[in-house]
Amino acid sequence: MIEKLEEEKIQLGLDVDVQNLEAKKIRKGKNKVEEDLDNARV
């Protein structure tokens, strides 16, 4: 039973890591788009 909980905790930890990575990627992409817009305005 405890082993199962540990496994699930690890699984959840991985999910959180993946979500953080995705969020970073999205943020980076957004910044890139904003930079491109700024460059287009100049």
PDB file of N, CA and C in Angstrom:
ATOM      1  N   MET A   1       0.839  -1.207   0.000  1.00  0.00           N
ATOM      2  CA  MET A   1       0.000   0.000   0.000  1.00  0.00           C
ATOM      3  C   MET A   1       0.875   1.260   0.000  1.00  0.00           C
ATOM      4  N   ILE A   2       1.842   1.300   0.918  1.00  0.00           N
ATOM      5  CA  ILE A   2       2.717   2.473   0.986  1.00  0.00           C
ATOM      6  C   ILE A   2       3.515   2.604  -0.303  1.00  0.00           C
ATOM      7  N   GLU A   3       3.980   1.472  -0.831  1.00  0.00           N
ATOM      8  CA  GLU A   3       4.752   1.501  -2.076  1.00  0.00           C
ATOM      9  C   GLU A   3       3.927   2.129  -3.193  1.00  0.00           C
ATOM     10  N   LYS A   4       2.636   1.775  -3.227  1.00  0.00           N
ATOM     11  CA  LYS A   4       1.765   2.315  -4.271  1.00  0.00           C
ATOM     12  C   LYS A   4       1.683   3.838  -4.119  1.00  0.00           C
ATOM     13  N   LEU A   5       1.542   4.305  -2.893  1.00  0.00           N
ATOM     14  CA  LEU A   5       1.468   5.747  -2.654  1.00  0.00           C
ATOM     15  C   LEU A   5       2.746   6.430  -3.114  1.00  0.00           C
ATOM     16  N   GLU A   6       3.891   5.839  -2.792  1.00  0.00           N
ATOM     17  CA  GLU A   6       5.180   6.405  -3.208  1.00  0.00           C
ATOM     18  C   GLU A   6       5.222   6.528  -4.724  1.00  0.00           C
ATOM     19  N   GLU A   7       4.799   5.459  -5.396  1.00  0.00           N
ATOM     20  CA  GLU A   7       4.803   5.460  -6.866  1.00  0.00           C
ATOM     21  C   GLU A   7       3.932   6.588  -7.401  1.00  0.00           C
ATOM     22  N   GLU A   8       2.749   6.740  -6.806  1.00  0.00           N
ATOM     23  CA  GLU A   8       1.832   7.784  -7.277  1.00  0.00           C
ATOM     24  C   GLU A   8       2.424   9.168  -7.031  1.00  0.00           C
ATOM     25  N   LYS A   9       3.115   9.312  -5.886  1.00  0.00           N
ATOM     26  CA  LYS A   9       3.738  10.595  -5.568  1.00  0.00           C
ATOM     27  C   LYS A   9       4.787  10.937  -6.621  1.00  0.00           C
ATOM     28  N   ILE A  10       5.589   9.956  -6.974  1.00  0.00           N
ATOM     29  CA  ILE A  10       6.623  10.155  -7.991  1.00  0.00           C
ATOM     30  C   ILE A  10       5.952  10.531  -9.310  1.00  0.00           C
ATOM     31  N   GLN A  11       4.875   9.816  -9.643  1.00  0.00           N
ATOM     32  CA  GLN A  11       4.143  10.068 -10.880  1.00  0.00           C
ATOM     33  C   GLN A  11       3.632  11.510 -10.885  1.00  0.00           C
ATOM     34  N   LEU A  12       3.067  11.943  -9.753  1.00  0.00           N
ATOM     35  CA  LEU A  12       2.537  13.307  -9.661  1.00  0.00           C
ATOM     36  C   LEU A  12       3.664  14.314  -9.809  1.00  0.00           C
ATOM     37  N   GLY A  13       4.804  14.017  -9.178  1.00  0.00           N
ATOM     38  CA  GLY A  13       5.957  14.902  -9.275  1.00  0.00           C
ATOM     39  C   GLY A  13       6.376  15.081 -10.718  1.00  0.00           C
ATOM     40  N   LEU A  14       6.379  13.979 -11.460  1.00  0.00           N
ATOM     41  CA  LEU A  14       6.760  14.040 -12.874  1.00  0.00           C
ATOM     42  C   LEU A  14       5.751  14.883 -13.642  1.00  0.00           C
ATOM     43  N   ASP A  15       4.473  14.686 -13.343  1.00  0.00           N
ATOM     44  CA  ASP A  15       3.430  15.454 -14.037  1.00  0.00           C
ATOM     45  C   ASP A  15       3.653  16.950 -13.816  1.00  0.00           C
ATOM     46  N   VAL A  16       3.973  17.309 -12.565  1.00  0.00           N
ATOM     47  CA  VAL A  16       4.194  18.720 -12.240  1.00  0.00           C
ATOM     48  C   VAL A  16       5.386  19.248 -13.024  1.00  0.00           C
ATOM     49  N   ASP A  17       6.466  18.447 -13.085  1.00  0.00           N
ATOM     50  CA  ASP A  17       7.653  18.859 -13.840  1.00  0.00           C
ATOM     51  C   ASP A  17       7.286  19.108 -15.298  1.00  0.00           C
ATOM     52  N   VAL A  18       6.519  18.198 -15.863  1.00  0.00           N
ATOM     53  CA  VAL A  18       6.126  18.323 -17.274  1.00  0.00           C
ATOM     54  C   VAL A  18       5.303  19.593 -17.470  1.00  0.00           C
ATOM     55  N   GLN A  19       4.378  19.842 -16.551  1.00  0.00           N
ATOM     56  CA  GLN A  19       3.533  21.034 -16.668  1.00  0.00           C
ATOM     57  C   GLN A  19       4.380  22.300 -16.579  1.00  0.00           C
ATOM     58  N   ASN A  20       5.376  22.285 -15.660  1.00  0.00           N
ATOM     59  CA  ASN A  20       6.252  23.450 -15.522  1.00  0.00           C
ATOM     60  C   ASN A  20       7.013  23.686 -16.814  1.00  0.00           C
ATOM     61  N   LEU A  21       7.510  22.602 -17.409  1.00  0.00           N
ATOM     62  CA  LEU A  21       8.254  22.720 -18.670  1.00  0.00           C
ATOM     63  C   LEU A  21       7.352  23.302 -19.749  1.00  0.00           C
ATOM     64  N   GLU A  22       6.142  22.781 -19.838  1.00  0.00           N
ATOM     65  CA  GLU A  22       5.196  23.262 -20.853  1.00  0.00           C
ATOM     66  C   GLU A  22       4.925  24.751 -20.638  1.00  0.00           C
ATOM     67  N   ALA A  23       4.705  25.134 -19.384  1.00  0.00           N
ATOM     68  CA  ALA A  23       4.412  26.535 -19.072  1.00  0.00           C
ATOM     69  C   ALA A  23       5.576  27.422 -19.483  1.00  0.00           C
ATOM     70  N   LYS A  24       6.799  26.953 -19.213  1.00  0.00           N
ATOM     71  CA  LYS A  24       7.989  27.727 -19.592  1.00  0.00           C
ATOM     72  C   LYS A  24       8.051  27.882 -21.100  1.00  0.00           C
ATOM     73  N   LYS A  25       7.779  26.795 -21.805  1.00  0.00           N
ATOM     74  CA  LYS A  25       7.822  26.818 -23.274  1.00  0.00           C
ATOM     75  C   LYS A  25       6.809  27.824 -23.806  1.00  0.00           C
ATOM     76  N   ILE A  26       5.603  27.783 -23.244  1.00  0.00           N
ATOM     77  CA  ILE A  26       4.535  28.676 -23.699  1.00  0.00           C
ATOM     78  C   ILE A  26       4.939  30.124 -23.437  1.00  0.00           C
ATOM     79  N   ARG A  27       5.504  30.367 -22.230  1.00  0.00           N
ATOM     80  CA  ARG A  27       5.919  31.713 -21.876  1.00  0.00           C
ATOM     81  C   ARG A  27       6.996  32.206 -22.836  1.00  0.00           C
ATOM     82  N   LYS A  28       7.947  31.323 -23.123  1.00  0.00           N
ATOM     83  CA  LYS A  28       9.033  31.680 -24.049  1.00  0.00           C
ATOM     84  C   LYS A  28       8.449  32.009 -25.412  1.00  0.00           C
ATOM     85  N   GLY A  29       7.515  31.196 -25.877  1.00  0.00           N
ATOM     86  CA  GLY A  29       6.901  31.419 -27.175  1.00  0.00           C
ATOM     87  C   GLY A  29       6.186  32.756 -27.203  1.00  0.00           C
ATOM     88  N   LYS A  30       5.500  33.073 -26.100  1.00  0.00           N
ATOM     89  CA  LYS A  30       4.762  34.324 -26.014  1.00  0.00           C
ATOM     90  C   LYS A  30       5.736  35.503 -26.083  1.00  0.00           C
ATOM     91  N   ASN A  31       6.832  35.401 -25.334  1.00  0.00           N
ATOM     92  CA  ASN A  31       7.832  36.468 -25.355  1.00  0.00           C
ATOM     93  C   ASN A  31       8.362  36.663 -26.762  1.00  0.00           C
ATOM     94  N   LYS A  32       8.591  35.564 -27.453  1.00  0.00           N
ATOM     95  CA  LYS A  32       9.129  35.629 -28.822  1.00  0.00           C
ATOM     96  C   LYS A  32       8.139  36.384 -29.713  1.00  0.00           C
ATOM     97  N   VAL A  33       6.878  36.056 -29.588  1.00  0.00           N
ATOM     98  CA  VAL A  33       5.850  36.714 -30.412  1.00  0.00           C
ATOM     99  C   VAL A  33       5.824  38.211 -30.111  1.00  0.00           C
ATOM    100  N   GLU A  34       5.912  38.560 -28.819  1.00  0.00           N
ATOM    101  CA  GLU A  34       5.891  39.974 -28.450  1.00  0.00           C
ATOM    102  C   GLU A  34       7.117  40.692 -28.998  1.00  0.00           C
ATOM    103  N   GLU A  35       8.275  40.023 -28.941  1.00  0.00           N
ATOM    104  CA  GLU A  35       9.501  40.616 -29.486  1.00  0.00           C
ATOM    105  C   GLU A  35       9.331  40.862 -30.979  1.00  0.00           C
ATOM    106  N   ASP A  36       8.777  39.879 -31.676  1.00  0.00           N
ATOM    107  CA  ASP A  36       8.575  40.014 -33.119  1.00  0.00           C
ATOM    108  C   ASP A  36       7.658  41.203 -33.414  1.00  0.00           C
ATOM    109  N   LEU A  37       6.624  41.368 -32.587  1.00  0.00           N
ATOM    110  CA  LEU A  37       5.702  42.491 -32.785  1.00  0.00           C
ATOM    111  C   LEU A  37       6.437  43.808 -32.588  1.00  0.00           C
ATOM    112  N   ASP A  38       7.255  43.880 -31.530  1.00  0.00           N
ATOM    113  CA  ASP A  38       8.023  45.098 -31.276  1.00  0.00           C
ATOM    114  C   ASP A  38       8.918  45.411 -32.466  1.00  0.00           C
ATOM    115  N   ASN A  39       9.584  44.394 -32.973  1.00  0.00           N
ATOM    116  CA  ASN A  39      10.488  44.584 -34.109  1.00  0.00           C
ATOM    117  C   ASN A  39       9.711  45.052 -35.336  1.00  0.00           C
ATOM    118  N   ALA A  40       8.503  44.546 -35.505  1.00  0.00           N
ATOM    119  CA  ALA A  40       7.700  44.903 -36.671  1.00  0.00           C
ATOM    120  C   ALA A  40       7.261  46.369 -36.572  1.00  0.00           C
ATOM    121  N   ARG A  41       7.039  46.849 -35.344  1.00  0.00           N
ATOM    122  CA  ARG A  41       6.586  48.224 -35.135  1.00  0.00           C
ATOM    123  C   ARG A  41       7.678  49.231 -35.471  1.00  0.00           C
ATOM    124  N   VAL A  42       8.906  48.888 -35.181  1.00  0.00           N
ATOM    125  CA  VAL A  42      10.023  49.835 -35.362  1.00  0.00           C
ATOM    126  C   VAL A  42      10.165  50.233 -36.825  1.00  0.00           C
TER     127      VAL A  42
END
